[in-house]
């Protein structure tokens, strides 16, 4: 494979703890993982399901076959190594990370991020600040080479879930945040970690249909600000959990 079109590595496992097998939960007419795959395709992004070799993830390989998309299986805990092995297997030089927890991502922002990675000769383009704060619109654009450098001297079984911690240690790394592309300042939590997150995400699809545009999703919150109360309080708990993993 050559990078002739935007490529998204859909990072997903079934072994979630806070919300078990959340990627297999029903969402609209599909499951969460099927929805994420179809949304990527709708933006012209080629999805590759990037999961683990653990038996619990056999079902994700089966789903990839049903959907007719590529699948790669690698390390259970070393996410960076899984990405590198996937990139090498499919001969991908750069890609965007699509988290299966973020079913209302903005594919246009992802493509913009990949374009910035290449045009600016960056190693990493990080998400917008609003996305990292819970809006979950865009992931990371990465080169295969920077992941290789981040993995240098790490044991294969290192837990790299907090992958930015390892990327930031690479000397002279060229890294930038994707500039904000919207003027909508509504604070929202559109990622899937807790039961309340699922209630909100499922409600959005019931109101807007199976594959709403990102601006439609944000307009819904602008018109109905009380919707944020369903799960926004979970942001503090999530941040504490992420910090504890780095210690």
C-alpha atoms as a PDB file:
ATOM      1  CA  UNK A   1       0.000   0.000   0.000  1.00  0.00           C
ATOM      2  CA  UNK A   2       1.181   3.502  -0.724  1.00  0.00           C
ATOM      3  CA  UNK A   3      -0.144   6.622   0.972  1.00  0.00           C
ATOM      4  CA  UNK A   4      -2.251   7.584  -2.041  1.00  0.00           C
ATOM      5  CA  UNK A   5      -5.240   8.418   0.154  1.00  0.00           C
ATOM      6  CA  UNK A   6      -5.730   9.336   3.822  1.00  0.00           C
ATOM      7  CA  UNK A   7      -5.246   6.289   6.027  1.00  0.00           C
ATOM      8  CA  UNK A   8      -6.779   5.890   9.469  1.00  0.00           C
ATOM      9  CA  UNK A   9      -5.673   3.286  11.985  1.00  0.00           C
ATOM     10  CA  UNK A  10      -8.790   2.535  14.056  1.00  0.00           C
ATOM     11  CA  UNK A  11      -7.328   1.732  17.449  1.00  0.00           C
ATOM     12  CA  UNK A  12      -9.655  -0.663  19.238  1.00  0.00           C
ATOM     13  CA  UNK A  13      -9.774  -3.577  21.673  1.00  0.00           C
ATOM     14  CA  UNK A  14     -12.688  -5.325  23.361  1.00  0.00           C
ATOM     15  CA  UNK A  15     -10.937  -5.557  26.744  1.00  0.00           C
ATOM     16  CA  UNK A  16     -12.217  -2.244  28.114  1.00  0.00           C
ATOM     17  CA  UNK A  17     -12.775  -2.143  31.870  1.00  0.00           C
ATOM     18  CA  UNK A  18     -14.963   0.885  32.648  1.00  0.00           C
ATOM     19  CA  UNK A  19     -17.482  -0.057  29.958  1.00  0.00           C
ATOM     20  CA  UNK A  20     -16.902  -3.690  28.900  1.00  0.00           C
ATOM     21  CA  UNK A  21     -16.787  -4.384  25.149  1.00  0.00           C
ATOM     22  CA  UNK A  22     -17.931  -0.828  24.465  1.00  0.00           C
ATOM     23  CA  UNK A  23     -16.885  -1.030  20.807  1.00  0.00           C
ATOM     24  CA  UNK A  24     -19.538  -3.728  20.289  1.00  0.00           C
ATOM     25  CA  UNK A  25     -22.400  -1.760  21.818  1.00  0.00           C
ATOM     26  CA  UNK A  26     -25.282  -0.924  19.456  1.00  0.00           C
ATOM     27  CA  UNK A  27     -25.185   2.577  18.027  1.00  0.00           C
ATOM     28  CA  UNK A  28     -27.966   3.546  15.671  1.00  0.00           C
ATOM     29  CA  UNK A  29     -28.341   0.788  13.090  1.00  0.00           C
ATOM     30  CA  UNK A  30     -24.806  -0.522  13.724  1.00  0.00           C
ATOM     31  CA  UNK A  31     -22.315  -1.259  16.469  1.00  0.00           C
ATOM     32  CA  UNK A  32     -19.879   1.401  17.666  1.00  0.00           C
ATOM     33  CA  UNK A  33     -16.961  -0.108  15.733  1.00  0.00           C
ATOM     34  CA  UNK A  34     -19.012  -0.545  12.540  1.00  0.00           C
ATOM     35  CA  UNK A  35     -20.208   3.052  12.837  1.00  0.00           C
ATOM     36  CA  UNK A  36     -16.618   4.308  13.184  1.00  0.00           C
ATOM     37  CA  UNK A  37     -15.492   2.305  10.137  1.00  0.00           C
ATOM     38  CA  UNK A  38     -18.375   3.559   7.994  1.00  0.00           C
ATOM     39  CA  UNK A  39     -17.838   7.152   9.137  1.00  0.00           C
ATOM     40  CA  UNK A  40     -14.176   6.990   8.101  1.00  0.00           C
ATOM     41  CA  UNK A  41     -15.147   5.669   4.681  1.00  0.00           C
ATOM     42  CA  UNK A  42     -17.731   8.447   4.273  1.00  0.00           C
ATOM     43  CA  UNK A  43     -14.905  11.003   4.573  1.00  0.00           C
ATOM     44  CA  UNK A  44     -12.706   9.209   2.042  1.00  0.00           C
ATOM     45  CA  UNK A  45     -10.383   7.872   4.745  1.00  0.00           C
ATOM     46  CA  UNK A  46      -9.219   4.276   4.301  1.00  0.00           C
ATOM     47  CA  UNK A  47      -9.789   2.538   7.651  1.00  0.00           C
ATOM     48  CA  UNK A  48      -7.564  -0.205   9.016  1.00  0.00           C
ATOM     49  CA  UNK A  49      -8.823  -1.855  12.196  1.00  0.00           C
ATOM     50  CA  UNK A  50      -5.760  -1.999  14.427  1.00  0.00           C
ATOM     51  CA  UNK A  51      -6.390  -4.390  17.287  1.00  0.00           C
ATOM     52  CA  UNK A  52      -4.580  -6.983  19.383  1.00  0.00           C
ATOM     53  CA  UNK A  53      -3.735 -10.667  18.992  1.00  0.00           C
ATOM     54  CA  UNK A  54      -5.644 -11.447  22.177  1.00  0.00           C
ATOM     55  CA  UNK A  55      -8.420 -13.993  21.636  1.00  0.00           C
ATOM     56  CA  UNK A  56     -10.958 -11.502  22.952  1.00  0.00           C
ATOM     57  CA  UNK A  57     -10.360  -9.449  19.805  1.00  0.00           C
ATOM     58  CA  UNK A  58     -11.089 -12.281  17.351  1.00  0.00           C
ATOM     59  CA  UNK A  59     -14.526 -10.755  16.857  1.00  0.00           C
ATOM     60  CA  UNK A  60     -12.972  -7.517  15.569  1.00  0.00           C
ATOM     61  CA  UNK A  61     -11.161  -9.415  12.832  1.00  0.00           C
ATOM     62  CA  UNK A  62     -14.463 -11.075  11.926  1.00  0.00           C
ATOM     63  CA  UNK A  63     -16.163  -7.666  11.777  1.00  0.00           C
ATOM     64  CA  UNK A  64     -13.416  -6.314   9.513  1.00  0.00           C
ATOM     65  CA  UNK A  65     -14.071  -9.155   7.073  1.00  0.00           C
ATOM     66  CA  UNK A  66     -17.822  -8.497   7.152  1.00  0.00           C
ATOM     67  CA  UNK A  67     -17.213  -4.814   6.423  1.00  0.00           C
ATOM     68  CA  UNK A  68     -14.576  -5.516   3.769  1.00  0.00           C
ATOM     69  CA  UNK A  69     -11.816  -3.486   5.433  1.00  0.00           C
ATOM     70  CA  UNK A  70      -8.252  -4.306   6.391  1.00  0.00           C
ATOM     71  CA  UNK A  71      -7.358  -5.514   9.871  1.00  0.00           C
ATOM     72  CA  UNK A  72      -4.057  -5.773  11.688  1.00  0.00           C
ATOM     73  CA  UNK A  73      -3.463  -7.586  14.981  1.00  0.00           C
ATOM     74  CA  UNK A  74      -0.504  -6.774  17.178  1.00  0.00           C
ATOM     75  CA  UNK A  75       0.562  -6.117  20.756  1.00  0.00           C
ATOM     76  CA  UNK A  76      -2.177  -6.005  23.383  1.00  0.00           C
ATOM     77  CA  UNK A  77      -0.551  -3.366  25.603  1.00  0.00           C
ATOM     78  CA  UNK A  78       2.135  -1.733  23.456  1.00  0.00           C
ATOM     79  CA  UNK A  79      -0.022   0.472  21.269  1.00  0.00           C
ATOM     80  CA  UNK A  80       2.969   2.182  19.650  1.00  0.00           C
ATOM     81  CA  UNK A  81       4.432  -1.168  18.593  1.00  0.00           C
ATOM     82  CA  UNK A  82       1.054  -2.250  17.243  1.00  0.00           C
ATOM     83  CA  UNK A  83       0.940   0.913  15.132  1.00  0.00           C
ATOM     84  CA  UNK A  84       4.504   0.474  13.892  1.00  0.00           C
ATOM     85  CA  UNK A  85       3.983  -3.182  13.002  1.00  0.00           C
ATOM     86  CA  UNK A  86       0.740  -2.264  11.217  1.00  0.00           C
ATOM     87  CA  UNK A  87       2.445   0.535   9.275  1.00  0.00           C
ATOM     88  CA  UNK A  88       5.275  -1.767   8.242  1.00  0.00           C
ATOM     89  CA  UNK A  89       2.909  -4.590   7.289  1.00  0.00           C
ATOM     90  CA  UNK A  90       0.867  -2.352   4.972  1.00  0.00           C
ATOM     91  CA  UNK A  91       3.840  -0.168   3.943  1.00  0.00           C
ATOM     92  CA  UNK A  92       2.212   2.993   5.306  1.00  0.00           C
ATOM     93  CA  UNK A  93       4.493   5.998   5.795  1.00  0.00           C
ATOM     94  CA  UNK A  94       2.021   8.190   7.676  1.00  0.00           C
ATOM     95  CA  UNK A  95      -1.432   7.748   9.129  1.00  0.00           C
ATOM     96  CA  UNK A  96      -4.051   9.241  11.404  1.00  0.00           C
ATOM     97  CA  UNK A  97      -5.149   7.608  14.632  1.00  0.00           C
ATOM     98  CA  UNK A  98      -8.897   7.081  14.861  1.00  0.00           C
ATOM     99  CA  UNK A  99      -9.980   6.111  18.345  1.00  0.00           C
ATOM    100  CA  UNK A 100     -12.965   3.771  18.304  1.00  0.00           C
ATOM    101  CA  UNK A 101     -14.113   5.639  21.427  1.00  0.00           C
ATOM    102  CA  UNK A 102     -14.840   8.743  19.319  1.00  0.00           C
ATOM    103  CA  UNK A 103     -17.773   7.944  17.003  1.00  0.00           C
ATOM    104  CA  UNK A 104     -18.478  11.556  15.977  1.00  0.00           C
ATOM    105  CA  UNK A 105     -14.986  12.475  14.827  1.00  0.00           C
ATOM    106  CA  UNK A 106     -14.536  15.089  12.145  1.00  0.00           C
ATOM    107  CA  UNK A 107     -12.972  13.411   9.130  1.00  0.00           C
ATOM    108  CA  UNK A 108     -12.293  16.756   7.491  1.00  0.00           C
ATOM    109  CA  UNK A 109     -10.121  17.761  10.457  1.00  0.00           C
ATOM    110  CA  UNK A 110      -8.316  14.425  10.225  1.00  0.00           C
ATOM    111  CA  UNK A 111      -7.495  14.992   6.569  1.00  0.00           C
ATOM    112  CA  UNK A 112      -6.393  18.545   7.366  1.00  0.00           C
ATOM    113  CA  UNK A 113      -4.130  17.122  10.074  1.00  0.00           C
ATOM    114  CA  UNK A 114      -2.531  14.651   7.667  1.00  0.00           C
ATOM    115  CA  UNK A 115      -2.024  17.379   5.074  1.00  0.00           C
ATOM    116  CA  UNK A 116      -0.320  19.555   7.692  1.00  0.00           C
ATOM    117  CA  UNK A 117       1.914  16.643   8.710  1.00  0.00           C
ATOM    118  CA  UNK A 118       3.162  16.314   5.139  1.00  0.00           C
ATOM    119  CA  UNK A 119       3.256  19.948   4.041  1.00  0.00           C
ATOM    120  CA  UNK A 120       4.996  21.096   7.222  1.00  0.00           C
ATOM    121  CA  UNK A 121       7.327  18.097   7.349  1.00  0.00           C
ATOM    122  CA  UNK A 122       6.202  17.383  10.925  1.00  0.00           C
ATOM    123  CA  UNK A 123       6.714  14.172  12.864  1.00  0.00           C
ATOM    124  CA  UNK A 124       3.461  14.537  14.781  1.00  0.00           C
ATOM    125  CA  UNK A 125       0.361  16.683  14.458  1.00  0.00           C
ATOM    126  CA  UNK A 126      -1.523  16.573  17.762  1.00  0.00           C
ATOM    127  CA  UNK A 127      -5.286  17.073  18.138  1.00  0.00           C
ATOM    128  CA  UNK A 128      -6.812  20.504  18.586  1.00  0.00           C
ATOM    129  CA  UNK A 129      -6.989  21.568  22.222  1.00  0.00           C
ATOM    130  CA  UNK A 130     -10.779  21.338  22.214  1.00  0.00           C
ATOM    131  CA  UNK A 131     -10.634  17.783  20.883  1.00  0.00           C
ATOM    132  CA  UNK A 132      -8.229  16.727  23.635  1.00  0.00           C
ATOM    133  CA  UNK A 133     -10.511  18.395  26.190  1.00  0.00           C
ATOM    134  CA  UNK A 134     -13.324  15.993  25.326  1.00  0.00           C
ATOM    135  CA  UNK A 135     -14.763  17.147  22.009  1.00  0.00           C
ATOM    136  CA  UNK A 136     -13.091  14.112  20.372  1.00  0.00           C
ATOM    137  CA  UNK A 137     -13.084  15.493  16.833  1.00  0.00           C
ATOM    138  CA  UNK A 138      -9.595  14.539  15.667  1.00  0.00           C
ATOM    139  CA  UNK A 139      -6.701  12.276  16.635  1.00  0.00           C
ATOM    140  CA  UNK A 140      -2.965  12.266  15.945  1.00  0.00           C
ATOM    141  CA  UNK A 141      -1.229  12.271  12.577  1.00  0.00           C
ATOM    142  CA  UNK A 142       2.038  10.354  12.811  1.00  0.00           C
ATOM    143  CA  UNK A 143       4.915   9.226  10.672  1.00  0.00           C
ATOM    144  CA  UNK A 144       6.093   5.660  10.833  1.00  0.00           C
ATOM    145  CA  UNK A 145       9.632   6.837  11.547  1.00  0.00           C
ATOM    146  CA  UNK A 146       8.727   8.841  14.662  1.00  0.00           C
ATOM    147  CA  UNK A 147       7.040   5.801  16.179  1.00  0.00           C
ATOM    148  CA  UNK A 148      10.162   3.780  15.498  1.00  0.00           C
ATOM    149  CA  UNK A 149      12.218   6.387  17.353  1.00  0.00           C
ATOM    150  CA  UNK A 150       9.773   6.480  20.279  1.00  0.00           C
ATOM    151  CA  UNK A 151      10.033   2.704  20.658  1.00  0.00           C
ATOM    152  CA  UNK A 152      13.823   2.689  20.744  1.00  0.00           C
ATOM    153  CA  UNK A 153      15.120   1.006  23.917  1.00  0.00           C
ATOM    154  CA  UNK A 154      11.599   0.071  25.052  1.00  0.00           C
ATOM    155  CA  UNK A 155      10.726  -3.527  25.869  1.00  0.00           C
ATOM    156  CA  UNK A 156       8.154  -5.062  23.535  1.00  0.00           C
ATOM    157  CA  UNK A 157       5.704  -5.542  26.405  1.00  0.00           C
ATOM    158  CA  UNK A 158       5.836  -1.901  27.579  1.00  0.00           C
ATOM    159  CA  UNK A 159       2.390  -0.438  28.137  1.00  0.00           C
ATOM    160  CA  UNK A 160       2.312   2.585  25.808  1.00  0.00           C
ATOM    161  CA  UNK A 161      -1.372   3.433  26.190  1.00  0.00           C
ATOM    162  CA  UNK A 162      -0.322   6.992  27.089  1.00  0.00           C
ATOM    163  CA  UNK A 163       1.659   7.141  23.855  1.00  0.00           C
ATOM    164  CA  UNK A 164       2.269  10.919  23.864  1.00  0.00           C
ATOM    165  CA  UNK A 165       4.442  10.421  26.970  1.00  0.00           C
ATOM    166  CA  UNK A 166       6.885   8.395  24.855  1.00  0.00           C
ATOM    167  CA  UNK A 167       6.649  10.606  21.784  1.00  0.00           C
ATOM    168  CA  UNK A 168       7.567  13.704  23.789  1.00  0.00           C
ATOM    169  CA  UNK A 169      10.806  12.016  24.884  1.00  0.00           C
ATOM    170  CA  UNK A 170      12.114  11.812  21.310  1.00  0.00           C
ATOM    171  CA  UNK A 171      14.839  14.401  20.811  1.00  0.00           C
ATOM    172  CA  UNK A 172      14.260  17.245  18.325  1.00  0.00           C
ATOM    173  CA  UNK A 173      10.791  16.024  17.494  1.00  0.00           C
ATOM    174  CA  UNK A 174       8.787  18.282  15.177  1.00  0.00           C
ATOM    175  CA  UNK A 175       5.361  18.452  16.778  1.00  0.00           C
ATOM    176  CA  UNK A 176       2.448  20.869  16.469  1.00  0.00           C
ATOM    177  CA  UNK A 177      -1.197  21.052  17.549  1.00  0.00           C
ATOM    178  CA  UNK A 178      -3.780  21.215  14.795  1.00  0.00           C
ATOM    179  CA  UNK A 179      -5.224  24.754  14.872  1.00  0.00           C
ATOM    180  CA  UNK A 180      -8.865  25.086  15.866  1.00  0.00           C
ATOM    181  CA  UNK A 181     -11.106  25.022  12.809  1.00  0.00           C
ATOM    182  CA  UNK A 182     -14.427  25.986  14.382  1.00  0.00           C
ATOM    183  CA  UNK A 183     -15.786  28.949  16.290  1.00  0.00           C
ATOM    184  CA  UNK A 184     -18.199  26.779  18.279  1.00  0.00           C
ATOM    185  CA  UNK A 185     -16.930  27.082  21.856  1.00  0.00           C
ATOM    186  CA  UNK A 186     -19.520  24.767  23.414  1.00  0.00           C
ATOM    187  CA  UNK A 187     -17.759  22.403  25.829  1.00  0.00           C
ATOM    188  CA  UNK A 188     -18.822  18.843  25.090  1.00  0.00           C
ATOM    189  CA  UNK A 189     -17.700  15.310  25.901  1.00  0.00           C
ATOM    190  CA  UNK A 190     -18.103  13.114  22.827  1.00  0.00           C
ATOM    191  CA  UNK A 191     -15.900  10.166  23.727  1.00  0.00           C
ATOM    192  CA  UNK A 192     -17.016   6.779  25.015  1.00  0.00           C
ATOM    193  CA  UNK A 193     -15.665   5.667  28.385  1.00  0.00           C
ATOM    194  CA  UNK A 194     -18.609   5.655  30.763  1.00  0.00           C
ATOM    195  CA  UNK A 195     -22.251   4.639  30.719  1.00  0.00           C
ATOM    196  CA  UNK A 196     -23.330   8.284  30.627  1.00  0.00           C
ATOM    197  CA  UNK A 197     -21.190   8.784  27.511  1.00  0.00           C
ATOM    198  CA  UNK A 198     -23.058   5.984  25.795  1.00  0.00           C
ATOM    199  CA  UNK A 199     -26.450   7.452  26.698  1.00  0.00           C
ATOM    200  CA  UNK A 200     -25.440  10.762  25.146  1.00  0.00           C
ATOM    201  CA  UNK A 201     -23.893   9.323  21.985  1.00  0.00           C
ATOM    202  CA  UNK A 202     -26.862   7.036  21.380  1.00  0.00           C
ATOM    203  CA  UNK A 203     -29.216   9.981  21.906  1.00  0.00           C
ATOM    204  CA  UNK A 204     -27.380  12.034  19.278  1.00  0.00           C
ATOM    205  CA  UNK A 205     -27.959   9.320  16.689  1.00  0.00           C
ATOM    206  CA  UNK A 206     -31.614   8.988  17.613  1.00  0.00           C
ATOM    207  CA  UNK A 207     -32.036  12.729  17.050  1.00  0.00           C
ATOM    208  CA  UNK A 208     -29.768  13.314  14.032  1.00  0.00           C
ATOM    209  CA  UNK A 209     -29.640   9.956  12.252  1.00  0.00           C
ATOM    210  CA  UNK A 210     -26.853   7.482  11.590  1.00  0.00           C
ATOM    211  CA  UNK A 211     -24.029   9.644  10.245  1.00  0.00           C
ATOM    212  CA  UNK A 212     -24.545  13.322  11.084  1.00  0.00           C
ATOM    213  CA  UNK A 213     -22.006  15.902   9.965  1.00  0.00           C
ATOM    214  CA  UNK A 214     -19.832  17.252  12.736  1.00  0.00           C
ATOM    215  CA  UNK A 215     -21.348  20.721  12.456  1.00  0.00           C
ATOM    216  CA  UNK A 216     -24.818  19.207  12.913  1.00  0.00           C
ATOM    217  CA  UNK A 217     -23.649  17.533  16.129  1.00  0.00           C
ATOM    218  CA  UNK A 218     -22.214  20.765  17.509  1.00  0.00           C
ATOM    219  CA  UNK A 219     -25.299  22.747  16.485  1.00  0.00           C
ATOM    220  CA  UNK A 220     -27.413  20.277  18.442  1.00  0.00           C
ATOM    221  CA  UNK A 221     -25.491  21.177  21.598  1.00  0.00           C
ATOM    222  CA  UNK A 222     -25.647  24.885  20.836  1.00  0.00           C
ATOM    223  CA  UNK A 223     -29.425  24.611  20.584  1.00  0.00           C
ATOM    224  CA  UNK A 224     -29.730  22.289  23.580  1.00  0.00           C
ATOM    225  CA  UNK A 225     -26.942  23.188  26.048  1.00  0.00           C
ATOM    226  CA  UNK A 226     -28.426  21.060  28.821  1.00  0.00           C
ATOM    227  CA  UNK A 227     -27.401  17.948  26.855  1.00  0.00           C
ATOM    228  CA  UNK A 228     -23.835  18.473  28.066  1.00  0.00           C
ATOM    229  CA  UNK A 229     -24.962  17.827  31.634  1.00  0.00           C
ATOM    230  CA  UNK A 230     -25.458  14.146  30.839  1.00  0.00           C
ATOM    231  CA  UNK A 231     -21.735  13.366  30.888  1.00  0.00           C
ATOM    232  CA  UNK A 232     -19.499  16.455  30.966  1.00  0.00           C
ATOM    233  CA  UNK A 233     -18.830  15.883  34.673  1.00  0.00           C
ATOM    234  CA  UNK A 234     -16.991  12.687  33.718  1.00  0.00           C
ATOM    235  CA  UNK A 235     -14.141  14.730  32.197  1.00  0.00           C
ATOM    236  CA  UNK A 236     -12.492  15.319  35.592  1.00  0.00           C
ATOM    237  CA  UNK A 237     -12.605  11.620  36.459  1.00  0.00           C
ATOM    238  CA  UNK A 238     -11.174  10.702  33.058  1.00  0.00           C
ATOM    239  CA  UNK A 239      -8.296  13.195  33.411  1.00  0.00           C
ATOM    240  CA  UNK A 240      -7.382  11.816  36.838  1.00  0.00           C
ATOM    241  CA  UNK A 241      -7.338   8.292  35.417  1.00  0.00           C
ATOM    242  CA  UNK A 242      -5.030   9.360  32.581  1.00  0.00           C
ATOM    243  CA  UNK A 243      -2.637  11.079  34.989  1.00  0.00           C
ATOM    244  CA  UNK A 244      -2.500   8.009  37.221  1.00  0.00           C
ATOM    245  CA  UNK A 245      -1.408   5.875  34.242  1.00  0.00           C
ATOM    246  CA  UNK A 246       1.601   8.155  33.680  1.00  0.00           C
ATOM    247  CA  UNK A 247       2.843   7.838  37.267  1.00  0.00           C
END
